[in-house]
Amino acid sequence: MALRFIAKDPNTNGDNCPTVWLDEEKQEFVFQGWKADDTLEEECLSTGPIPDTEAVVRLPARMMDVIREACDAAEGSALR
């Protein structure tokens, strides 16, 4: 796996989360975030099921620049 570290939440409270990576080999974004609580998951389920192999995670909006950086990295790599 070729994970390219992009950044951690600039305001992390010391738990090193949330974090964003780019998997250049699989052409995927990888996000580490806070687990969804039951209320959020229930709301997400209103648009369809969540497969057992997937999860809903939260990332703070303050990470918008980090997510853009990951998108720019993907656009500039061989991910087309």
C-alpha atoms as a PDB file:
ATOM      1  CA  MET A   1       0.000   0.000   0.000  1.00  0.00           C
ATOM      2  CA  ALA A   2       1.297   3.451  -0.889  1.00  0.00           C
ATOM      3  CA  LEU A   3      -0.342   5.723   1.662  1.00  0.00           C
ATOM      4  CA  ARG A   4       0.613   9.343   1.269  1.00  0.00           C
ATOM      5  CA  PHE A   5       0.118  11.259   4.507  1.00  0.00           C
ATOM      6  CA  ILE A   6      -1.638  14.551   3.853  1.00  0.00           C
ATOM      7  CA  ALA A   7      -2.267  16.073   7.296  1.00  0.00           C
ATOM      8  CA  LYS A   8      -3.798  15.778  10.736  1.00  0.00           C
ATOM      9  CA  ASP A   9      -6.405  18.101  12.154  1.00  0.00           C
ATOM     10  CA  PRO A  10      -4.454  21.261  12.965  1.00  0.00           C
ATOM     11  CA  ASN A  11      -6.436  21.541  16.197  1.00  0.00           C
ATOM     12  CA  THR A  12      -6.047  17.916  17.294  1.00  0.00           C
ATOM     13  CA  ASN A  13      -6.346  17.510  21.029  1.00  0.00           C
ATOM     14  CA  GLY A  14      -3.355  15.198  21.129  1.00  0.00           C
ATOM     15  CA  ASP A  15      -5.109  12.031  19.982  1.00  0.00           C
ATOM     16  CA  ASN A  16      -3.776  12.481  16.411  1.00  0.00           C
ATOM     17  CA  CYS A  17      -7.235  12.551  14.934  1.00  0.00           C
ATOM     18  CA  PRO A  18      -8.739  13.244  12.479  1.00  0.00           C
ATOM     19  CA  THR A  19      -6.190  12.427   9.770  1.00  0.00           C
ATOM     20  CA  VAL A  20      -6.263  12.366   5.963  1.00  0.00           C
ATOM     21  CA  TRP A  21      -4.188  10.186   3.606  1.00  0.00           C
ATOM     22  CA  LEU A  22      -4.188   9.494  -0.114  1.00  0.00           C
ATOM     23  CA  ASP A  23      -3.717   5.887  -1.264  1.00  0.00           C
ATOM     24  CA  GLU A  24      -2.058   6.506  -4.601  1.00  0.00           C
ATOM     25  CA  GLU A  25      -1.963   2.806  -5.500  1.00  0.00           C
ATOM     26  CA  LYS A  26      -5.681   2.143  -4.956  1.00  0.00           C
ATOM     27  CA  GLN A  27      -6.709   5.649  -5.991  1.00  0.00           C
ATOM     28  CA  GLU A  28      -8.648   6.277  -2.767  1.00  0.00           C
ATOM     29  CA  PHE A  29      -8.833   8.827   0.012  1.00  0.00           C
ATOM     30  CA  VAL A  30      -8.388   7.455   3.533  1.00  0.00           C
ATOM     31  CA  PHE A  31      -9.955   9.320   6.458  1.00  0.00           C
ATOM     32  CA  GLN A  32      -9.562   8.737  10.175  1.00  0.00           C
ATOM     33  CA  GLY A  33     -12.305  10.530  12.044  1.00  0.00           C
ATOM     34  CA  TRP A  34     -14.624  10.325  14.987  1.00  0.00           C
ATOM     35  CA  LYS A  35     -17.125   7.477  14.945  1.00  0.00           C
ATOM     36  CA  ALA A  36     -20.684   8.467  14.233  1.00  0.00           C
ATOM     37  CA  ASP A  37     -23.063   8.269  17.146  1.00  0.00           C
ATOM     38  CA  ASP A  38     -26.331   6.385  16.811  1.00  0.00           C
ATOM     39  CA  THR A  39     -28.295   9.539  15.984  1.00  0.00           C
ATOM     40  CA  LEU A  40     -25.995  10.511  13.116  1.00  0.00           C
ATOM     41  CA  GLU A  41     -25.861   6.967  11.774  1.00  0.00           C
ATOM     42  CA  GLU A  42     -29.664   6.735  11.878  1.00  0.00           C
ATOM     43  CA  GLU A  43     -29.928   9.987   9.924  1.00  0.00           C
ATOM     44  CA  CYS A  44     -27.428   8.701   7.340  1.00  0.00           C
ATOM     45  CA  LEU A  45     -29.415   5.478   7.027  1.00  0.00           C
ATOM     46  CA  SER A  46     -32.393   7.522   5.834  1.00  0.00           C
ATOM     47  CA  THR A  47     -30.710   7.744   2.414  1.00  0.00           C
ATOM     48  CA  GLY A  48     -29.858   4.039   2.218  1.00  0.00           C
ATOM     49  CA  PRO A  49     -28.108   1.184   4.028  1.00  0.00           C
ATOM     50  CA  ILE A  50     -24.507   1.318   5.231  1.00  0.00           C
ATOM     51  CA  PRO A  51     -22.743  -1.916   4.251  1.00  0.00           C
ATOM     52  CA  ASP A  52     -20.929  -3.844   6.990  1.00  0.00           C
ATOM     53  CA  THR A  53     -17.652  -3.021   5.237  1.00  0.00           C
ATOM     54  CA  GLU A  54     -18.234   0.743   5.535  1.00  0.00           C
ATOM     55  CA  ALA A  55     -18.528   3.303   8.335  1.00  0.00           C
ATOM     56  CA  VAL A  56     -19.693   6.863   8.818  1.00  0.00           C
ATOM     57  CA  VAL A  57     -17.045   9.114  10.361  1.00  0.00           C
ATOM     58  CA  ARG A  58     -16.990  12.799  11.223  1.00  0.00           C
ATOM     59  CA  LEU A  59     -14.346  15.305  10.153  1.00  0.00           C
ATOM     60  CA  PRO A  60     -14.474  18.910  11.352  1.00  0.00           C
ATOM     61  CA  ALA A  61     -15.193  21.583   8.753  1.00  0.00           C
ATOM     62  CA  ARG A  62     -11.955  23.291   9.831  1.00  0.00           C
ATOM     63  CA  MET A  63     -10.175  20.502   7.906  1.00  0.00           C
ATOM     64  CA  MET A  64     -11.503  21.834   4.589  1.00  0.00           C
ATOM     65  CA  ASP A  65      -8.000  22.936   3.539  1.00  0.00           C
ATOM     66  CA  VAL A  66      -6.598  19.489   4.394  1.00  0.00           C
ATOM     67  CA  ILE A  67      -9.287  17.768   2.322  1.00  0.00           C
ATOM     68  CA  ARG A  68      -8.597  20.188  -0.560  1.00  0.00           C
ATOM     69  CA  GLU A  69      -4.896  19.371  -0.274  1.00  0.00           C
ATOM     70  CA  ALA A  70      -5.744  15.660  -0.609  1.00  0.00           C
ATOM     71  CA  CYS A  71      -7.896  16.408  -3.652  1.00  0.00           C
ATOM     72  CA  ASP A  72      -5.114  18.462  -5.217  1.00  0.00           C
ATOM     73  CA  ALA A  73      -2.617  15.675  -4.543  1.00  0.00           C
ATOM     74  CA  ALA A  74      -4.952  13.155  -6.174  1.00  0.00           C
ATOM     75  CA  GLU A  75      -5.494  15.409  -9.157  1.00  0.00           C
ATOM     76  CA  GLY A  76      -1.752  15.919  -9.585  1.00  0.00           C
ATOM     77  CA  SER A  77      -0.849  12.238  -9.319  1.00  0.00           C
ATOM     78  CA  ALA A  78      -1.565   9.341 -11.642  1.00  0.00           C
ATOM     79  CA  LEU A  79      -5.098   8.928 -10.277  1.00  0.00           C
ATOM     80  CA  ARG A  80      -6.905   9.480 -13.531  1.00  0.00           C
END
